[in-house]
Amino acid sequence: MYLKRVFDISASIFGLIFFSPIFLIIGGLVKILMPGPVFFIQNRVGKDAKLFPMMKFRTMTIKHSGSSISIRGESRITPIGSILRKYKLDELPELWNVLTGDMSFVGPRPDVPGYADRLSGDDRLVLTFRPGITGPASLKYSNEEELLALQPDPIKYNDEVLFPDKVRINLNYIQNWSFRLDLKIIIHTLLGKKLDEEWLN
């Protein structure tokens, strides 16, 4: 775990410096095309069930009523927001969360309190790891928003199918964790490749 944290600190510092021009460009576009705050900051559940403010570039309108799950094509997602989400550019500010120790590059995606509260028994082992920018469940469901858009009841499908499966995958990741596995997940993420159950091998 020491090596994991050293990598997180080193890579996040490099990423923040390397992507700083992109931060400025995206920030400027969001400010011009989406009047209001540049960043979307939301409390998420982190390691040991502690809340932390997760940062993203804002991709939605300021005033909207919607659930905590996102579906592709929603009216609350702005045109530029749709592009940022498609290429995961909205998640670049999470590099700061990695640097501060609230997140890691690889781990279970951090849930909002309502979903994390559903974890019980061994499932709460998911909360013993720092949440990640990417992870095995994120790779399997990289098309999550499109998948939800196909469902007659997206919230029910998320609650009864996606969420339990993500918990199962994340538990397998934690039980089989290695730094080599983290690197494998990062490479697959950068290449835009999906990772099925064979990722444990």
Foldseek 3Di string as FASTA:
>chain_A
DVVQLVCLQVVLVVLCVVCVVVVVVQQVCCCVVAPDHQKDWDWFQWAPRDTDTQIFGDQFHPDDDDDPDAAPPDPRGDPVSNVCLLLVVRRSVCSVVSNVPQAGQEAAATHHVVLLVPDDDPLVVSNNHGHHPYYQLCLQPVVVNHVLNPDPDSVCCCVPPSSVVSSVRRSLCVVQPDVVLVVVRVVCVVVSHGDPPVSSD
